Amino acid sequence: MAQALLTLTYVLSPRRIIVGGSVRKAGQLGEDAFFTMIRRRFYELNNGYISSPALSAKGLETFIVPPELGDSAGVCGAVALGQDALRAGG
């Protein structure tokens, strides 16, 4: 997972990566341990290739994150899209 996120970072230069769904729960590992492992491995693999405060060991805490709405993110996004479509008349 860390390698995939790093590759996406190299190609797309995102400001933040939000990892949601069942992936972030990582089975019995748990969400906190999952994000700790992913951030640590991401940092190791990058090995200073991209030098940015966001990609520092501390910066990764706000660069690779779970969705703020947790399990409700998908439903809330769908509702927001529906509301936008209604406002646009479509």
N, C-alpha and C. Protein backbone atom coordinates (compact mmCIF):
# COMPACT_ATOMS: atom_id res chain seq x y z
N MET A 1 0.83 -1.18 0.00
CA MET A 1 0.00 0.00 0.00
C MET A 1 0.88 1.26 0.00
N ALA A 2 1.92 1.26 0.81
CA ALA A 2 2.80 2.42 0.86
C ALA A 2 3.45 2.67 -0.49
N GLN A 3 3.87 1.61 -1.16
CA GLN A 3 4.50 1.75 -2.49
C GLN A 3 3.50 2.33 -3.48
N ALA A 4 2.27 1.87 -3.45
CA ALA A 4 1.25 2.39 -4.36
C ALA A 4 0.98 3.87 -4.09
N LEU A 5 0.88 4.25 -2.83
CA LEU A 5 0.63 5.65 -2.49
C LEU A 5 1.82 6.52 -2.88
N LEU A 6 3.03 6.00 -2.72
CA LEU A 6 4.21 6.75 -3.11
C LEU A 6 4.25 6.95 -4.63
N THR A 7 3.93 5.92 -5.38
CA THR A 7 3.89 6.02 -6.84
C THR A 7 2.86 7.05 -7.27
N LEU A 8 1.69 7.02 -6.65
CA LEU A 8 0.66 8.03 -6.95
C LEU A 8 1.16 9.43 -6.64
N THR A 9 1.90 9.56 -5.56
CA THR A 9 2.44 10.86 -5.18
C THR A 9 3.45 11.35 -6.22
N TYR A 10 4.31 10.46 -6.69
CA TYR A 10 5.28 10.83 -7.72
C TYR A 10 4.60 11.28 -9.01
N VAL A 11 3.54 10.60 -9.37
CA VAL A 11 2.88 10.87 -10.65
C VAL A 11 1.91 12.05 -10.57
N LEU A 12 1.13 12.14 -9.50
CA LEU A 12 0.05 13.12 -9.43
C LEU A 12 0.31 14.33 -8.53
N SER A 13 1.29 14.25 -7.66
CA SER A 13 1.61 15.34 -6.72
C SER A 13 0.39 15.83 -5.93
N PRO A 14 -0.31 14.91 -5.26
CA PRO A 14 -1.50 15.35 -4.50
C PRO A 14 -1.10 16.16 -3.27
N ARG A 15 -2.03 16.98 -2.80
CA ARG A 15 -1.81 17.72 -1.56
C ARG A 15 -2.11 16.86 -0.34
N ARG A 16 -2.94 15.84 -0.54
CA ARG A 16 -3.31 14.93 0.55
C ARG A 16 -3.83 13.64 -0.06
N ILE A 17 -3.62 12.54 0.65
CA ILE A 17 -4.16 11.25 0.22
C ILE A 17 -5.10 10.77 1.31
N ILE A 18 -6.34 10.52 0.92
CA ILE A 18 -7.36 10.04 1.85
C ILE A 18 -7.62 8.57 1.54
N VAL A 19 -7.35 7.72 2.51
CA VAL A 19 -7.53 6.27 2.35
C VAL A 19 -8.79 5.89 3.12
N GLY A 20 -9.84 5.50 2.40
CA GLY A 20 -11.10 5.19 3.05
C GLY A 20 -11.54 3.76 2.81
N GLY A 21 -12.77 3.51 3.11
CA GLY A 21 -13.35 2.19 2.93
C GLY A 21 -12.78 1.16 3.88
N SER A 22 -12.93 -0.09 3.50
CA SER A 22 -12.47 -1.16 4.38
C SER A 22 -10.95 -1.27 4.41
N VAL A 23 -10.27 -0.68 3.42
CA VAL A 23 -8.81 -0.74 3.39
C VAL A 23 -8.22 -0.11 4.65
N ARG A 24 -8.76 1.02 5.07
CA ARG A 24 -8.19 1.73 6.22
C ARG A 24 -8.37 0.98 7.53
N LYS A 25 -9.30 0.07 7.58
CA LYS A 25 -9.52 -0.69 8.81
C LYS A 25 -8.52 -1.83 8.96
N ALA A 26 -7.96 -2.29 7.87
CA ALA A 26 -6.88 -3.29 7.83
C ALA A 26 -7.16 -4.51 8.70
N GLY A 27 -8.36 -5.01 8.64
CA GLY A 27 -8.69 -6.23 9.37
C GLY A 27 -8.44 -6.11 10.86
N GLN A 28 -7.76 -7.07 11.43
CA GLN A 28 -7.50 -7.08 12.86
C GLN A 28 -6.39 -6.11 13.26
N LEU A 29 -5.64 -5.63 12.30
CA LEU A 29 -4.56 -4.68 12.59
C LEU A 29 -5.10 -3.40 13.20
N GLY A 30 -6.19 -2.90 12.67
CA GLY A 30 -6.79 -1.67 13.19
C GLY A 30 -6.31 -0.45 12.43
N GLU A 31 -7.14 0.57 12.43
CA GLU A 31 -6.88 1.78 11.65
C GLU A 31 -5.63 2.52 12.10
N ASP A 32 -5.45 2.72 13.39
CA ASP A 32 -4.29 3.47 13.86
C ASP A 32 -2.98 2.78 13.50
N ALA A 33 -2.91 1.49 13.72
CA ALA A 33 -1.69 0.74 13.40
C ALA A 33 -1.46 0.74 11.88
N PHE A 34 -2.53 0.63 11.11
CA PHE A 34 -2.43 0.64 9.66
C PHE A 34 -1.80 1.94 9.17
N PHE A 35 -2.32 3.07 9.62
CA PHE A 35 -1.79 4.35 9.17
C PHE A 35 -0.36 4.58 9.66
N THR A 36 -0.05 4.14 10.85
CA THR A 36 1.32 4.25 11.35
C THR A 36 2.27 3.47 10.46
N MET A 37 1.92 2.24 10.12
CA MET A 37 2.76 1.40 9.26
C MET A 37 2.90 1.99 7.86
N ILE A 38 1.81 2.43 7.29
CA ILE A 38 1.82 2.97 5.93
C ILE A 38 2.68 4.22 5.87
N ARG A 39 2.50 5.13 6.82
CA ARG A 39 3.29 6.37 6.82
C ARG A 39 4.78 6.07 7.00
N ARG A 40 5.10 5.16 7.90
CA ARG A 40 6.51 4.83 8.15
C ARG A 40 7.15 4.24 6.88
N ARG A 41 6.46 3.30 6.26
CA ARG A 41 7.01 2.66 5.07
C ARG A 41 7.08 3.64 3.90
N PHE A 42 6.10 4.49 3.75
CA PHE A 42 6.08 5.53 2.71
C PHE A 42 7.33 6.40 2.87
N TYR A 43 7.60 6.83 4.10
CA TYR A 43 8.76 7.68 4.40
C TYR A 43 10.06 6.96 4.05
N GLU A 44 10.15 5.69 4.42
CA GLU A 44 11.35 4.90 4.13
C GLU A 44 11.55 4.73 2.63
N LEU A 45 10.50 4.41 1.90
CA LEU A 45 10.60 4.21 0.46
C LEU A 45 10.95 5.49 -0.29
N ASN A 46 10.39 6.60 0.15
CA ASN A 46 10.70 7.89 -0.49
C ASN A 46 12.17 8.23 -0.31
N ASN A 47 12.73 7.94 0.84
CA ASN A 47 14.16 8.09 1.13
C ASN A 47 14.70 9.46 0.72
N GLY A 48 13.87 10.50 0.93
CA GLY A 48 14.30 11.86 0.61
C GLY A 48 14.24 12.22 -0.86
N TYR A 49 13.71 11.33 -1.72
CA TYR A 49 13.64 11.59 -3.16
C TYR A 49 12.86 12.87 -3.44
N ILE A 50 11.70 13.00 -2.80
CA ILE A 50 10.95 14.25 -2.85
C ILE A 50 11.15 14.92 -1.49
N SER A 51 11.74 16.09 -1.51
CA SER A 51 11.97 16.82 -0.27
C SER A 51 10.85 17.84 -0.09
N SER A 52 9.99 17.59 0.86
CA SER A 52 8.84 18.46 1.12
C SER A 52 8.43 18.32 2.58
N PRO A 53 8.04 19.42 3.23
CA PRO A 53 7.57 19.30 4.61
C PRO A 53 6.40 18.33 4.75
N ALA A 54 5.55 18.26 3.72
CA ALA A 54 4.40 17.35 3.77
C ALA A 54 4.83 15.89 3.78
N LEU A 55 6.01 15.60 3.24
CA LEU A 55 6.48 14.22 3.17
C LEU A 55 7.54 13.91 4.22
N SER A 56 7.68 14.79 5.20
CA SER A 56 8.57 14.49 6.33
C SER A 56 7.86 13.50 7.24
N ALA A 57 8.59 12.91 8.15
CA ALA A 57 7.98 11.93 9.07
C ALA A 57 6.78 12.55 9.79
N LYS A 58 6.90 13.78 10.23
CA LYS A 58 5.80 14.46 10.94
C LYS A 58 4.70 14.90 9.96
N GLY A 59 5.10 15.38 8.79
CA GLY A 59 4.13 15.86 7.81
C GLY A 59 3.21 14.79 7.27
N LEU A 60 3.69 13.55 7.26
CA LEU A 60 2.87 12.46 6.73
C LEU A 60 1.62 12.22 7.57
N GLU A 61 1.61 12.69 8.80
CA GLU A 61 0.43 12.53 9.66
C GLU A 61 -0.76 13.29 9.11
N THR A 62 -0.52 14.34 8.33
CA THR A 62 -1.62 15.09 7.72
C THR A 62 -1.65 14.90 6.20
N PHE A 63 -0.72 14.12 5.64
CA PHE A 63 -0.69 13.87 4.20
C PHE A 63 -1.45 12.59 3.85
N ILE A 64 -1.25 11.53 4.62
CA ILE A 64 -1.96 10.27 4.41
C ILE A 64 -2.93 10.12 5.58
N VAL A 65 -4.21 10.26 5.29
CA VAL A 65 -5.21 10.34 6.35
C VAL A 65 -6.46 9.51 6.04
N PRO A 66 -7.21 9.16 7.08
CA PRO A 66 -8.52 8.55 6.87
C PRO A 66 -9.54 9.65 6.58
N PRO A 67 -10.69 9.31 6.02
CA PRO A 67 -11.72 10.33 5.77
C PRO A 67 -12.25 10.89 7.09
N GLU A 68 -12.45 12.19 7.14
CA GLU A 68 -12.95 12.82 8.37
C GLU A 68 -14.32 12.29 8.77
N LEU A 69 -15.11 11.89 7.79
CA LEU A 69 -16.47 11.41 8.07
C LEU A 69 -16.51 9.90 8.33
N GLY A 70 -15.35 9.26 8.31
CA GLY A 70 -15.29 7.83 8.59
C GLY A 70 -16.12 7.01 7.63
N ASP A 71 -16.92 6.10 8.16
CA ASP A 71 -17.74 5.22 7.33
C ASP A 71 -18.89 5.95 6.64
N SER A 72 -19.17 7.18 7.05
CA SER A 72 -20.28 7.95 6.47
C SER A 72 -19.84 8.77 5.25
N ALA A 73 -18.56 8.76 4.91
CA ALA A 73 -18.05 9.61 3.84
C ALA A 73 -18.75 9.34 2.51
N GLY A 74 -18.90 8.09 2.13
CA GLY A 74 -19.53 7.76 0.86
C GLY A 74 -20.98 8.22 0.78
N VAL A 75 -21.73 7.98 1.84
CA VAL A 75 -23.13 8.37 1.87
C VAL A 75 -23.27 9.89 1.83
N CYS A 76 -22.46 10.58 2.61
CA CYS A 76 -22.51 12.05 2.62
C CYS A 76 -22.12 12.63 1.26
N GLY A 77 -21.15 12.02 0.60
CA GLY A 77 -20.76 12.47 -0.73
C GLY A 77 -21.88 12.27 -1.74
N ALA A 78 -22.56 11.14 -1.65
CA ALA A 78 -23.68 10.87 -2.56
C ALA A 78 -24.81 11.87 -2.34
N VAL A 79 -25.10 12.18 -1.10
CA VAL A 79 -26.14 13.17 -0.79
C VAL A 79 -25.75 14.53 -1.33
N ALA A 80 -24.49 14.92 -1.15
CA ALA A 80 -24.01 16.22 -1.65
C ALA A 80 -24.13 16.29 -3.17
N LEU A 81 -23.75 15.21 -3.87
CA LEU A 81 -23.88 15.20 -5.32
C LEU A 81 -25.35 15.31 -5.75
N GLY A 82 -26.23 14.63 -5.04
CA GLY A 82 -27.66 14.72 -5.34
C GLY A 82 -28.20 16.13 -5.14
N GLN A 83 -27.77 16.77 -4.06
CA GLN A 83 -28.21 18.14 -3.80
C GLN A 83 -27.70 19.09 -4.88
N ASP A 84 -26.45 18.91 -5.30
CA ASP A 84 -25.90 19.73 -6.37
C ASP A 84 -26.68 19.55 -7.67
N ALA A 85 -27.04 18.30 -7.97
CA ALA A 85 -27.79 18.03 -9.19
C ALA A 85 -29.18 18.67 -9.14
N LEU A 86 -29.82 18.65 -7.98
CA LEU A 86 -31.13 19.28 -7.84
C LEU A 86 -31.03 20.79 -8.01
N ARG A 87 -30.00 21.40 -7.44
CA ARG A 87 -29.81 22.85 -7.57
C ARG A 87 -29.55 23.24 -9.03
N ALA A 88 -28.86 22.37 -9.76
CA ALA A 88 -28.52 22.66 -11.16
C ALA A 88 -29.69 22.36 -12.10
N GLY A 89 -30.76 21.78 -11.53
CA GLY A 89 -31.93 21.49 -12.34
C GLY A 89 -31.85 20.19 -13.11
N GLY A 90 -30.94 19.32 -12.68
CA GLY A 90 -30.78 18.11 -13.47
C GLY A 90 -31.06 16.91 -12.70
